[in-house]
Amino acid sequence: MPEALTPRAAEALLRPASKRTTTLRAMLEYLHETGRGATIIGDDGQTVTGICMDSRAVLPGDLYIAAPGARFHGAQFAQAAAKAGAAGILTDLEGEATSSALGLPVLLADDVREVIGELSALVYGTDETCPELFGLTGTNGKTTTSYMIRAVLRALGRETGLVGTIEIAAGDQPIPSILTTPEAPQLHGLMAKMAELGVDAATMEVSSHSLSYRRVDGLRFAVAGFTNLTQDHLDLHGSMEEYFTTKAALFDLERSDRAVITVDDQWGRDMAAKATAEVWTLSTDATNPNADWTVGNVVAAGLGHRFELRGAQGQVLDLFTGLPGDFNVSNSALAVLMVLASGVEVTKMQAALDAANPLTVQVPGRMQVIAESPAAIVDFAHNPDALARALSSVRSSTPGSRVIVVFGATGERDATKRPIMGAVAAKHADVVIVTDDDPHSEDPAPIREAVAAGASEEIRVNGLDTQVLQIHPRGSAITAAVAMARENDTILVAGRGHEVFQEVMGVNIELDDREELRRALLENGFRPLDASRDSVNPENKG
């Protein structure tokens, strides 16, 4: 990120240029109308032009949200917000005394976090004017599918926005951010900014974290899509059942008009049954032929595939994606079907697909091909299912060719998946190089040991001849992988994708897997592809 991009400067970039004005009284009336308990201490006619949860980012005229947090209550920082020009404070009984002492009007709510999204919609007008929203949730495939949706919408002539793991953009304008995941006020400000810039449709990745922490509250999705559900984020959710329940909230009729749900496994079928929005089901692997839409006639074409998307009423679309991997067939089908669910005619969709080839959109760090001989690929796969899918998709049919994988496991996250990922790698690769991902503040050595132990156990139980190595730091591991590769081999560097910093003991170290791979390829006499498509907003690190 630019060095001068302070929290306050970043906050301004996520808001529309023109300000709307509302009052604390209007907010109070809204809360009463919707059955929430609230009162105002002080001037209820105070005008508000923005809303903010971070005291360091408060702009003049903002309503500062003093909410309880994991370690501190936001009221502890209310004085800093007041000095920055806050017009008022939204808080609860715990924060009342501290907030009232500052002389600003205070809006007291029973549950502050419950109302942040809806009040943000009032402040920024997104309850009335907002781009048509396409929301994606699931464990794997959200980012690639969101890029595909944006490309399909553009092929149809729409002006689009994107809020995702890799970047935030309005049309062709990237929006710098120091936020990994925008909170509800930033998202509403961003939607208002996009509408102001002429964006009429936006695609958003909706993680389980954003649903758990109510970051998408107050937004209404025209179409919500579900990719899949596999083990991940159990450090937050505790169980797969809780993880499922969190994701299912996106498909409630109160949040989304329509739902397009991939039903290739039981989780998907359960999701379709639980959803209260209008549901379209999608089967991409022939396990559920009674789905509303199915994928068929899949034929390899270069690195990608050609296939058909068939509707239960006899509709047929011919699709092509140049991206490698069977899972990109699923991603492509979901992207097209979500746009169809928004009301696009099948004939118009086919014309756009034929004219623009939008399903071959380059997604930074997602099955990104760095070289073709040897095949060298960087992918974000950072859980067992994603790693298995990626490894299965990259194996060459050339006799004697090998798959060499470089990966690790993230620190301070679900530790149970570490040996599972090692086992997956040993099963699908010929050479497994275990290295560091983002250790965060955890000692990386035990993380590597847990991953390697899972690989060794898989080799022992199934009599595999897979080679397992532990090499660190990560750059050295990538160098070693390329040094042992032959022209017909495939190198997969997995886990970090587009990320350009590695967090080690609280320090962000510059590290881009794509650049490390290119450097090693050149040093070993191989020729990487053009690097011009890597450029994204690196500050929005997922």
Protein backbone atom coordinates (compact mmCIF):
# COMPACT_ATOMS: atom_id res chain seq x y z
CA MET A 1 0.00 0.00 0.00
CA PRO A 2 1.15 3.59 -0.48
CA GLU A 3 3.06 4.72 2.61
CA ALA A 4 0.87 7.83 2.96
CA LEU A 5 -2.38 5.85 3.02
CA THR A 6 -3.46 6.40 6.63
CA PRO A 7 -6.65 4.84 8.05
CA ARG A 8 -8.43 8.17 7.56
CA ALA A 9 -7.23 8.51 3.96
CA ALA A 10 -8.24 4.91 3.23
CA GLU A 11 -11.66 5.51 4.75
CA ALA A 12 -12.23 8.49 2.45
CA LEU A 13 -11.44 6.35 -0.61
CA LEU A 14 -14.22 3.95 0.33
CA ARG A 15 -16.91 6.64 0.35
CA PRO A 16 -18.84 8.57 -2.31
CA ALA A 17 -17.69 12.10 -3.11
CA SER A 18 -21.15 13.54 -2.49
CA LYS A 19 -22.45 13.36 1.08
CA ARG A 20 -25.95 12.48 2.15
CA THR A 21 -27.31 13.83 5.40
CA THR A 22 -29.44 12.04 7.96
CA THR A 23 -30.13 12.71 11.64
CA LEU A 24 -29.91 10.76 14.85
CA ARG A 25 -33.67 11.18 15.18
CA ALA A 26 -34.20 9.41 11.84
CA MET A 27 -32.00 6.57 13.03
CA LEU A 28 -33.90 6.31 16.30
CA GLU A 29 -37.22 6.22 14.48
CA TYR A 30 -35.95 3.49 12.18
CA LEU A 31 -34.79 1.36 15.10
CA HIS A 32 -38.14 1.79 16.84
CA GLU A 33 -40.04 0.92 13.66
CA THR A 34 -38.04 -2.29 13.32
CA GLY A 35 -38.57 -3.29 16.95
CA ARG A 36 -35.13 -2.48 18.40
CA GLY A 37 -34.73 -0.72 21.70
CA ALA A 38 -32.84 2.57 21.47
CA THR A 39 -32.68 6.02 23.05
CA ILE A 40 -30.84 9.29 22.41
CA ILE A 41 -28.90 11.28 24.97
CA GLY A 42 -28.45 14.85 23.76
CA ASP A 43 -29.42 16.58 20.50
CA ASP A 44 -31.55 14.18 18.46
CA GLY A 45 -31.47 16.61 15.52
CA GLN A 46 -27.72 16.22 15.09
CA THR A 47 -26.89 15.58 11.42
CA VAL A 48 -24.68 12.70 10.35
CA THR A 49 -22.85 12.35 7.00
CA GLY A 50 -20.82 9.18 7.58
CA ILE A 51 -20.46 6.22 9.90
CA CYS A 52 -17.24 4.62 11.15
CA MET A 53 -16.09 1.86 13.52
CA ASP A 54 -12.40 2.88 13.71
CA SER A 55 -11.56 5.96 15.78
CA ARG A 56 -8.38 6.42 13.70
CA ALA A 57 -10.45 6.71 10.51
CA VAL A 58 -13.27 9.00 11.71
CA LEU A 59 -14.06 11.88 9.37
CA PRO A 60 -15.89 15.09 10.38
CA GLY A 61 -19.63 14.49 10.58
CA ASP A 62 -19.33 10.76 11.28
CA LEU A 63 -21.32 8.72 13.73
CA TYR A 64 -18.63 6.83 15.65
CA ILE A 65 -19.57 3.26 16.55
CA ALA A 66 -18.37 2.38 20.04
CA ALA A 67 -19.05 -1.34 20.07
CA PRO A 68 -17.74 -4.10 22.33
CA GLY A 69 -14.76 -5.95 20.88
CA ALA A 70 -12.77 -9.07 21.64
CA ARG A 71 -10.33 -7.19 23.91
CA PHE A 72 -11.56 -3.62 24.26
CA HIS A 73 -14.79 -1.68 24.15
CA GLY A 74 -14.92 0.96 21.44
CA ALA A 75 -15.94 3.58 24.00
CA GLN A 76 -12.31 3.59 25.17
CA PHE A 77 -11.45 5.33 21.89
CA ALA A 78 -14.44 7.68 21.75
CA GLN A 79 -12.39 10.68 22.81
CA ALA A 80 -10.10 10.28 19.79
CA ALA A 81 -13.19 10.02 17.58
CA ALA A 82 -14.58 13.22 19.09
CA LYS A 83 -11.32 15.07 18.44
CA ALA A 84 -11.46 13.92 14.81
CA GLY A 85 -14.85 15.58 14.37
CA ALA A 86 -17.39 12.84 15.13
CA ALA A 87 -20.94 14.20 15.17
CA GLY A 88 -22.23 11.60 17.60
CA ILE A 89 -21.61 8.18 19.11
CA LEU A 90 -23.50 4.91 18.76
CA THR A 91 -22.91 2.66 21.75
CA ASP A 92 -24.54 0.37 24.32
CA LEU A 93 -25.07 0.57 28.09
CA GLU A 94 -21.48 -0.48 28.75
CA GLY A 95 -20.16 2.45 26.74
CA GLU A 96 -22.77 5.01 27.84
CA ALA A 97 -20.91 6.74 30.65
CA THR A 98 -17.63 7.18 28.79
CA SER A 99 -19.34 8.34 25.61
CA SER A 100 -21.78 10.76 27.30
CA ALA A 101 -18.95 12.51 29.12
CA LEU A 102 -17.58 13.85 25.83
CA GLY A 103 -20.52 16.19 25.22
CA LEU A 104 -21.57 14.60 21.93
CA PRO A 105 -25.09 13.23 21.38
CA VAL A 106 -25.22 9.51 22.04
CA LEU A 107 -27.48 6.94 20.37
CA LEU A 108 -27.91 4.00 22.75
CA ALA A 109 -28.84 0.61 21.25
CA ASP A 110 -29.44 -2.69 22.98
CA ASP A 111 -27.16 -4.53 20.52
CA VAL A 112 -24.83 -2.24 18.60
CA ARG A 113 -23.52 -4.85 16.17
CA GLU A 114 -27.05 -5.88 15.24
CA VAL A 115 -27.86 -2.44 13.84
CA ILE A 116 -24.58 -1.27 12.26
CA GLY A 117 -25.36 -2.52 8.75
CA GLU A 118 -28.88 -1.12 8.61
CA LEU A 119 -27.83 2.27 9.98
CA SER A 120 -24.98 2.34 7.45
CA ALA A 121 -27.57 1.80 4.71
CA LEU A 122 -29.51 4.82 6.01
CA VAL A 123 -26.41 7.00 6.12
CA TYR A 124 -25.16 6.14 2.63
CA GLY A 125 -28.51 5.58 0.93
CA THR A 126 -27.79 2.00 -0.10
CA ASP A 127 -31.25 1.04 1.09
CA GLU A 128 -32.49 2.95 -1.99
CA THR A 129 -29.58 3.10 -4.47
CA CYS A 130 -27.12 0.24 -4.77
CA PRO A 131 -25.58 -1.76 -7.63
CA GLU A 132 -27.20 -5.12 -8.33
CA LEU A 133 -25.26 -7.44 -6.03
CA PHE A 134 -23.95 -10.91 -6.77
CA GLY A 135 -22.67 -12.61 -3.61
CA LEU A 136 -20.53 -15.76 -3.51
CA THR A 137 -19.88 -18.03 -0.56
CA GLY A 138 -18.34 -21.47 -0.12
CA THR A 139 -14.95 -22.82 0.90
CA ASN A 140 -13.21 -22.90 -2.49
CA GLY A 141 -13.75 -21.15 -5.80
CA LYS A 142 -15.22 -17.84 -4.60
CA THR A 143 -12.49 -15.64 -6.05
CA THR A 144 -12.26 -17.27 -9.47
CA THR A 145 -16.05 -17.41 -9.82
CA SER A 146 -16.37 -13.75 -8.84
CA TYR A 147 -13.89 -12.76 -11.57
CA MET A 148 -15.82 -14.87 -14.04
CA ILE A 149 -19.12 -13.21 -13.06
CA ARG A 150 -17.57 -9.78 -13.52
CA ALA A 151 -16.22 -10.80 -16.93
CA VAL A 152 -19.61 -12.20 -18.02
CA LEU A 153 -21.39 -9.04 -16.87
CA ARG A 154 -18.89 -6.92 -18.79
CA ALA A 155 -19.45 -9.04 -21.88
CA LEU A 156 -23.14 -8.18 -21.49
CA GLY A 157 -22.31 -4.48 -21.41
CA ARG A 158 -22.69 -3.90 -17.68
CA GLU A 159 -20.52 -1.50 -15.66
CA THR A 160 -19.20 -3.65 -12.84
CA GLY A 161 -17.64 -3.52 -9.42
CA LEU A 162 -15.73 -6.15 -7.44
CA VAL A 163 -15.13 -6.68 -3.73
CA GLY A 164 -12.90 -9.65 -3.10
CA THR A 165 -9.86 -11.26 -1.57
CA ILE A 166 -7.54 -9.97 -4.26
CA GLU A 167 -8.84 -6.51 -5.01
CA ILE A 168 -11.57 -3.93 -4.72
CA ALA A 169 -12.51 -2.16 -7.94
CA ALA A 170 -15.22 0.08 -9.37
CA GLY A 171 -15.27 -0.39 -13.12
CA ASP A 172 -11.62 -0.22 -14.17
CA GLN A 173 -10.72 1.92 -11.16
CA PRO A 174 -8.88 0.03 -8.40
CA ILE A 175 -9.73 1.23 -4.91
CA PRO A 176 -6.74 1.03 -2.57
CA SER A 177 -7.55 -0.29 0.88
CA ILE A 178 -5.70 -1.18 4.08
CA LEU A 179 -8.61 -3.42 5.04
CA THR A 180 -8.42 -7.17 4.61
CA THR A 181 -12.19 -7.42 4.97
CA PRO A 182 -14.24 -4.20 4.98
CA GLU A 183 -16.67 -3.78 7.86
CA ALA A 184 -20.33 -3.00 7.21
CA PRO A 185 -19.88 0.81 7.15
CA GLN A 186 -17.07 0.54 4.59
CA LEU A 187 -19.08 -1.84 2.41
CA HIS A 188 -22.07 0.50 2.37
CA GLY A 189 -19.85 3.48 1.65
CA LEU A 190 -18.19 1.52 -1.12
CA MET A 191 -21.53 0.54 -2.69
CA ALA A 192 -22.60 4.19 -2.64
CA LYS A 193 -19.29 5.17 -4.26
CA MET A 194 -19.75 2.54 -6.96
CA ALA A 195 -23.27 3.75 -7.70
CA GLU A 196 -21.95 7.31 -7.91
CA LEU A 197 -19.34 6.15 -10.45
CA GLY A 198 -22.00 4.51 -12.62
CA VAL A 199 -21.46 0.91 -11.53
CA ASP A 200 -24.74 -0.98 -11.94
CA ALA A 201 -23.65 -4.49 -10.88
CA ALA A 202 -21.10 -5.66 -8.32
CA THR A 203 -19.72 -9.05 -7.34
CA MET A 204 -18.71 -9.75 -3.75
CA GLU A 205 -17.00 -12.65 -2.01
CA VAL A 206 -18.97 -13.36 1.17
CA SER A 207 -16.82 -15.29 3.63
CA SER A 208 -18.05 -17.07 6.73
CA HIS A 209 -16.19 -14.42 8.74
CA SER A 210 -18.12 -11.61 7.07
CA LEU A 211 -21.38 -13.39 7.85
CA SER A 212 -20.39 -14.22 11.44
CA TYR A 213 -19.28 -10.66 12.16
CA ARG A 214 -22.29 -9.13 10.37
CA ARG A 215 -20.15 -7.29 7.83
CA VAL A 216 -22.70 -7.70 5.02
CA ASP A 217 -25.72 -6.71 7.12
CA GLY A 218 -27.99 -4.17 5.45
CA LEU A 219 -26.98 -5.24 1.92
CA ARG A 220 -29.42 -7.12 -0.30
CA PHE A 221 -28.13 -9.56 -2.90
CA ALA A 222 -29.96 -10.04 -6.18
CA VAL A 223 -28.28 -13.44 -6.58
CA ALA A 224 -26.26 -15.42 -4.03
CA GLY A 225 -24.15 -18.38 -5.12
CA PHE A 226 -22.72 -21.43 -3.31
CA THR A 227 -19.59 -23.22 -4.53
CA ASN A 228 -18.90 -26.03 -2.03
CA LEU A 229 -18.18 -26.73 1.64
CA THR A 230 -15.04 -28.48 2.83
CA GLN A 231 -12.97 -28.34 6.00
CA ASP A 232 -11.69 -24.84 6.72
CA HIS A 233 -12.04 -22.12 9.36
CA LEU A 234 -12.90 -24.61 12.12
CA ASP A 235 -10.76 -22.43 14.41
CA LEU A 236 -13.64 -19.92 14.15
CA HIS A 237 -16.67 -22.17 13.77
CA GLY A 238 -15.72 -25.22 15.82
CA SER A 239 -17.53 -27.75 13.63
CA MET A 240 -18.59 -28.31 10.03
CA GLU A 241 -22.22 -28.04 11.12
CA GLU A 242 -21.64 -24.56 12.55
CA TYR A 243 -19.62 -23.60 9.45
CA PHE A 244 -22.57 -24.73 7.30
CA THR A 245 -25.11 -22.81 9.38
CA THR A 246 -23.06 -19.62 9.06
CA LYS A 247 -22.85 -19.94 5.27
CA ALA A 248 -26.57 -20.73 5.04
CA ALA A 249 -27.43 -17.25 6.36
CA LEU A 250 -26.60 -15.79 2.93
CA PHE A 251 -29.44 -17.74 1.30
CA ASP A 252 -32.17 -16.47 3.57
CA LEU A 253 -34.92 -14.56 1.74
CA GLU A 254 -34.33 -11.61 4.05
CA ARG A 255 -30.81 -11.27 2.59
CA SER A 256 -30.97 -12.57 -1.01
CA ASP A 257 -33.66 -12.67 -3.71
CA ARG A 258 -32.35 -15.75 -5.51
CA ALA A 259 -29.87 -18.51 -4.72
CA VAL A 260 -27.83 -20.63 -7.13
CA ILE A 261 -26.50 -23.61 -5.20
CA THR A 262 -24.07 -26.26 -6.40
CA VAL A 263 -25.44 -29.60 -5.22
CA ASP A 264 -22.53 -31.92 -6.03
CA ASP A 265 -22.32 -33.15 -2.42
CA GLN A 266 -24.55 -33.50 0.63
CA TRP A 267 -23.59 -30.08 2.00
CA GLY A 268 -24.86 -28.48 -1.20
CA ARG A 269 -28.09 -30.46 -1.15
CA ASP A 270 -28.63 -29.53 2.49
CA MET A 271 -27.94 -25.88 1.62
CA ALA A 272 -30.55 -25.94 -1.14
CA ALA A 273 -33.08 -27.47 1.25
CA LYS A 274 -32.38 -24.89 3.97
CA ALA A 275 -32.45 -21.80 1.73
CA THR A 276 -35.57 -19.64 1.83
CA ALA A 277 -34.63 -17.51 -1.18
CA GLU A 278 -35.76 -18.69 -4.62
CA VAL A 279 -33.37 -21.60 -5.39
CA TRP A 280 -31.80 -22.79 -8.64
CA THR A 281 -29.76 -25.98 -8.19
CA LEU A 282 -26.65 -26.79 -10.22
CA SER A 283 -25.00 -30.20 -10.64
CA THR A 284 -21.57 -30.09 -12.26
CA ASP A 285 -20.42 -33.70 -11.87
CA ALA A 286 -23.49 -35.82 -12.82
CA THR A 287 -24.17 -36.85 -9.19
CA ASN A 288 -27.52 -35.09 -9.19
CA PRO A 289 -29.18 -35.36 -12.63
CA ASN A 290 -32.42 -33.95 -11.22
CA ALA A 291 -30.87 -30.55 -10.55
CA ASP A 292 -32.40 -27.53 -12.28
CA TRP A 293 -29.21 -27.14 -14.32
CA THR A 294 -26.53 -29.72 -15.13
CA VAL A 295 -23.11 -29.79 -16.78
CA GLY A 296 -22.49 -32.29 -19.59
CA ASN A 297 -20.31 -33.16 -22.58
CA VAL A 298 -17.12 -31.98 -20.88
CA VAL A 299 -14.21 -32.18 -23.33
CA ALA A 300 -10.61 -31.11 -22.72
CA ALA A 301 -9.53 -28.18 -24.88
CA GLY A 302 -5.94 -27.04 -24.38
CA LEU A 303 -5.43 -26.39 -20.69
CA GLY A 304 -9.17 -25.86 -20.25
CA HIS A 305 -12.48 -27.44 -21.26
CA ARG A 306 -15.52 -27.10 -23.48
CA PHE A 307 -18.85 -28.22 -22.05
CA GLU A 308 -22.60 -27.73 -22.02
CA LEU A 309 -24.82 -26.17 -19.37
CA ARG A 310 -28.30 -27.68 -19.67
CA GLY A 311 -31.54 -26.48 -18.09
CA ALA A 312 -34.39 -28.72 -17.02
CA GLN A 313 -36.65 -26.91 -19.50
CA GLY A 314 -34.46 -27.85 -22.45
CA GLN A 315 -32.15 -24.82 -22.47
CA VAL A 316 -28.58 -25.49 -23.63
CA LEU A 317 -25.56 -23.20 -23.43
CA ASP A 318 -22.16 -23.99 -24.97
CA LEU A 319 -19.37 -22.89 -22.60
CA PHE A 320 -15.58 -22.74 -22.77
CA THR A 321 -12.97 -21.92 -20.15
CA GLY A 322 -9.26 -21.83 -20.85
CA LEU A 323 -8.43 -22.09 -17.14
CA PRO A 324 -6.99 -25.46 -16.06
CA GLY A 325 -8.78 -27.82 -13.70
CA ASP A 326 -12.12 -29.61 -13.59
CA PHE A 327 -13.15 -27.30 -10.75
CA ASN A 328 -12.99 -24.37 -13.19
CA VAL A 329 -15.74 -26.09 -15.17
CA SER A 330 -17.81 -25.90 -11.97
CA ASN A 331 -16.78 -22.29 -11.35
CA SER A 332 -17.68 -21.33 -14.93
CA ALA A 333 -21.09 -22.99 -14.79
CA LEU A 334 -21.91 -21.30 -11.48
CA ALA A 335 -20.84 -17.88 -12.78
CA VAL A 336 -22.97 -18.14 -15.91
CA LEU A 337 -25.97 -19.49 -14.04
CA MET A 338 -25.83 -16.71 -11.42
CA VAL A 339 -25.97 -14.10 -14.17
CA LEU A 340 -28.80 -15.99 -15.87
CA ALA A 341 -30.66 -15.99 -12.55
CA SER A 342 -30.56 -12.20 -12.55
CA GLY A 343 -32.88 -12.21 -15.58
CA VAL A 344 -30.59 -12.47 -18.62
CA GLU A 345 -32.02 -14.39 -21.59
CA VAL A 346 -30.24 -17.58 -22.67
CA THR A 347 -29.76 -16.39 -26.27
CA LYS A 348 -28.25 -13.10 -25.10
CA MET A 349 -25.94 -14.98 -22.73
CA GLN A 350 -24.73 -17.32 -25.48
CA ALA A 351 -23.95 -14.38 -27.75
CA ALA A 352 -21.90 -12.69 -25.01
CA LEU A 353 -19.99 -15.91 -24.24
CA ASP A 354 -19.18 -16.47 -27.91
CA ALA A 355 -18.08 -12.89 -28.50
CA ALA A 356 -15.88 -12.26 -25.46
CA ASN A 357 -14.68 -15.61 -23.99
CA PRO A 358 -15.21 -14.21 -20.44
CA LEU A 359 -14.70 -17.56 -18.66
CA THR A 360 -10.97 -17.51 -19.50
CA VAL A 361 -10.39 -14.41 -17.40
CA GLN A 362 -6.96 -14.32 -15.73
CA VAL A 363 -7.29 -14.50 -11.94
CA PRO A 364 -4.08 -13.53 -10.13
CA GLY A 365 -2.75 -16.40 -8.03
CA ARG A 366 -5.57 -18.79 -8.95
CA MET A 367 -4.21 -21.62 -11.13
CA GLN A 368 -1.97 -18.95 -12.62
CA VAL A 369 0.39 -20.42 -15.20
CA ILE A 370 3.90 -18.98 -14.80
CA ALA A 371 5.61 -21.25 -17.34
CA GLU A 372 4.60 -24.02 -19.72
CA SER A 373 7.80 -26.09 -19.89
CA PRO A 374 8.02 -27.22 -17.18
CA ALA A 375 4.42 -26.34 -16.30
CA ALA A 376 4.79 -23.99 -13.34
CA ILE A 377 1.60 -22.91 -11.59
CA VAL A 378 0.77 -20.77 -8.56
CA ASP A 379 -2.51 -21.37 -6.76
CA PHE A 380 -4.19 -20.22 -3.55
CA ALA A 381 -5.12 -23.78 -2.47
CA HIS A 382 -4.73 -23.66 1.31
CA ASN A 383 -7.04 -26.40 2.58
CA PRO A 384 -7.19 -30.15 1.87
CA ASP A 385 -9.98 -30.12 -0.71
CA ALA A 386 -8.54 -27.22 -2.70
CA LEU A 387 -5.08 -28.79 -2.66
CA ALA A 388 -6.45 -32.15 -3.86
CA ARG A 389 -8.37 -30.47 -6.68
CA ALA A 390 -5.38 -28.42 -7.77
CA LEU A 391 -2.97 -31.36 -7.75
CA SER A 392 -5.41 -33.62 -9.60
CA SER A 393 -5.87 -31.03 -12.32
CA VAL A 394 -2.19 -30.39 -13.10
CA ARG A 395 -0.87 -33.92 -13.70
CA SER A 396 0.41 -34.30 -17.24
CA SER A 397 -0.44 -37.28 -19.44
CA THR A 398 3.16 -37.37 -20.67
CA PRO A 399 4.81 -40.64 -19.62
CA GLY A 400 7.47 -40.17 -16.96
CA SER A 401 6.37 -36.67 -16.00
CA ARG A 402 6.18 -35.78 -12.31
CA VAL A 403 4.21 -33.42 -10.10
CA ILE A 404 6.30 -31.40 -7.63
CA VAL A 405 4.33 -29.48 -5.03
CA VAL A 406 5.59 -26.72 -2.72
CA PHE A 407 3.27 -25.73 0.12
CA GLY A 408 2.83 -25.25 3.86
CA ALA A 409 0.07 -24.61 6.38
CA THR A 410 -0.95 -21.31 7.94
CA GLY A 411 -0.10 -20.59 11.55
CA GLU A 412 -2.74 -19.69 14.14
CA ARG A 413 -5.45 -21.38 12.06
CA ASP A 414 -7.18 -24.76 12.12
CA ALA A 415 -4.31 -27.09 13.09
CA THR A 416 -6.28 -30.27 12.39
CA LYS A 417 -5.98 -29.80 8.63
CA ARG A 418 -2.15 -29.76 8.64
CA PRO A 419 -1.53 -33.54 8.54
CA ILE A 420 -4.54 -33.92 6.24
CA MET A 421 -2.94 -31.54 3.73
CA GLY A 422 0.32 -33.48 3.99
CA ALA A 423 -1.53 -36.71 3.23
CA VAL A 424 -3.30 -35.14 0.26
CA ALA A 425 0.01 -33.92 -1.15
CA ALA A 426 1.66 -37.33 -0.74
CA LYS A 427 -1.28 -39.01 -2.48
CA HIS A 428 -1.37 -36.72 -5.52
CA ALA A 429 2.25 -35.58 -6.05
CA ASP A 430 5.55 -37.33 -6.75
CA VAL A 431 7.68 -34.85 -4.80
CA VAL A 432 6.31 -33.00 -1.76
CA ILE A 433 8.29 -30.02 -0.52
CA VAL A 434 6.91 -28.84 2.81
CA THR A 435 7.77 -25.25 3.63
CA ASP A 436 6.27 -22.23 5.43
CA ASP A 437 3.04 -20.50 4.49
CA ASP A 438 2.17 -17.57 6.80
CA PRO A 439 3.29 -18.70 10.27
CA HIS A 440 1.96 -15.49 11.82
CA SER A 441 3.20 -15.56 15.44
CA GLU A 442 3.46 -19.36 15.63
CA ASP A 443 6.78 -21.24 15.51
CA PRO A 444 6.92 -22.50 11.90
CA ALA A 445 8.95 -25.65 12.62
CA PRO A 446 6.13 -27.61 14.37
CA ILE A 447 3.74 -26.58 11.56
CA ARG A 448 6.08 -28.08 8.98
CA GLU A 449 6.51 -31.19 11.11
CA ALA A 450 2.74 -31.72 11.34
CA VAL A 451 2.32 -31.41 7.58
CA ALA A 452 5.29 -33.70 6.86
CA ALA A 453 4.04 -36.24 9.38
CA GLY A 454 0.72 -36.46 7.55
CA ALA A 455 2.55 -37.02 4.27
CA SER A 456 4.82 -39.70 5.75
CA GLU A 457 1.87 -41.56 7.28
CA GLU A 458 0.04 -41.57 3.94
CA ILE A 459 3.15 -42.98 2.26
CA ARG A 460 3.54 -45.67 4.94
CA VAL A 461 -0.09 -46.81 4.94
CA ASN A 462 -0.49 -46.94 1.17
CA GLY A 463 3.02 -47.96 0.13
CA LEU A 464 3.64 -44.84 -1.95
CA ASP A 465 7.05 -43.87 -3.30
CA THR A 466 6.45 -40.14 -2.94
CA GLN A 467 9.50 -38.15 -1.88
CA VAL A 468 8.98 -35.74 1.05
CA LEU A 469 11.34 -32.88 1.83
CA GLN A 470 11.24 -30.04 4.34
CA ILE A 471 12.88 -26.89 2.98
CA HIS A 472 12.66 -23.37 4.35
CA PRO A 473 12.48 -20.45 3.89
CA ARG A 474 9.81 -20.56 1.20
CA GLY A 475 11.96 -18.95 -1.49
CA SER A 476 14.56 -21.70 -1.07
CA ALA A 477 11.84 -24.35 -1.35
CA ILE A 478 10.66 -22.89 -4.67
CA THR A 479 14.24 -22.74 -5.92
CA ALA A 480 14.77 -26.39 -5.00
CA ALA A 481 11.56 -27.44 -6.78
CA VAL A 482 12.63 -25.78 -10.04
CA ALA A 483 16.19 -27.13 -9.78
CA MET A 484 14.91 -30.73 -9.71
CA ALA A 485 12.27 -30.22 -12.43
CA ARG A 486 12.48 -31.57 -15.96
CA GLU A 487 10.71 -30.00 -18.96
CA ASN A 488 7.77 -32.42 -18.82
CA ASP A 489 7.23 -32.02 -15.07
CA THR A 490 4.68 -29.82 -13.31
CA ILE A 491 5.52 -27.55 -10.38
CA LEU A 492 2.61 -26.39 -8.23
CA VAL A 493 3.32 -23.72 -5.62
CA ALA A 494 0.24 -23.69 -3.43
CA GLY A 495 -1.27 -21.82 -0.51
CA ARG A 496 -0.52 -18.13 -0.98
CA GLY A 497 -1.59 -17.31 -4.53
CA HIS A 498 -1.60 -13.56 -5.15
CA GLU A 499 -0.22 -12.60 -1.74
CA VAL A 500 2.92 -10.47 -1.74
CA PHE A 501 3.82 -10.47 1.97
CA GLN A 502 4.56 -13.36 4.31
CA GLU A 503 3.75 -12.68 7.97
CA VAL A 504 6.42 -14.06 10.32
CA MET A 505 6.30 -13.15 14.01
CA GLY A 506 4.31 -10.00 13.33
CA VAL A 507 6.59 -8.82 10.51
CA ASN A 508 5.45 -8.66 6.88
CA ILE A 509 8.25 -9.97 4.67
CA GLU A 510 8.03 -9.27 0.94
CA LEU A 511 7.40 -12.58 -0.80
CA ASP A 512 5.55 -13.22 -4.04
CA ASP A 513 5.41 -16.89 -5.10
CA ARG A 514 5.02 -15.87 -8.73
CA GLU A 515 8.18 -13.76 -8.71
CA GLU A 516 10.14 -16.40 -6.81
CA LEU A 517 9.05 -19.00 -9.34
CA ARG A 518 9.97 -16.80 -12.31
CA ARG A 519 13.39 -16.06 -10.83
CA ALA A 520 14.12 -19.74 -10.22
CA LEU A 521 12.94 -20.69 -13.72
CA LEU A 522 15.26 -18.15 -15.33
CA GLU A 523 18.19 -19.25 -13.19
CA ASN A 524 17.66 -22.82 -14.38
CA GLY A 525 17.41 -21.96 -18.05
CA PHE A 526 13.61 -22.14 -18.39
CA ARG A 527 11.42 -19.46 -19.96
CA PRO A 528 8.52 -18.03 -17.89
CA LEU A 529 5.49 -16.38 -19.46
CA ASP A 530 4.82 -12.63 -19.51
CA ALA A 531 4.31 -11.25 -15.98
CA SER A 532 2.15 -8.27 -16.99
CA ARG A 533 -1.09 -9.80 -15.67
CA ASP A 534 0.04 -10.04 -12.04
CA SER A 535 -0.86 -6.47 -11.15
CA VAL A 536 -3.65 -6.18 -8.57
CA ASN A 537 -4.25 -4.29 -5.36
CA PRO A 538 -1.66 -6.05 -3.14
CA GLU A 539 -2.80 -4.31 0.04
CA ASN A 540 -6.04 -6.30 0.12
CA LYS A 541 -4.30 -9.41 1.42
CA GLY A 542 -6.70 -12.28 2.11
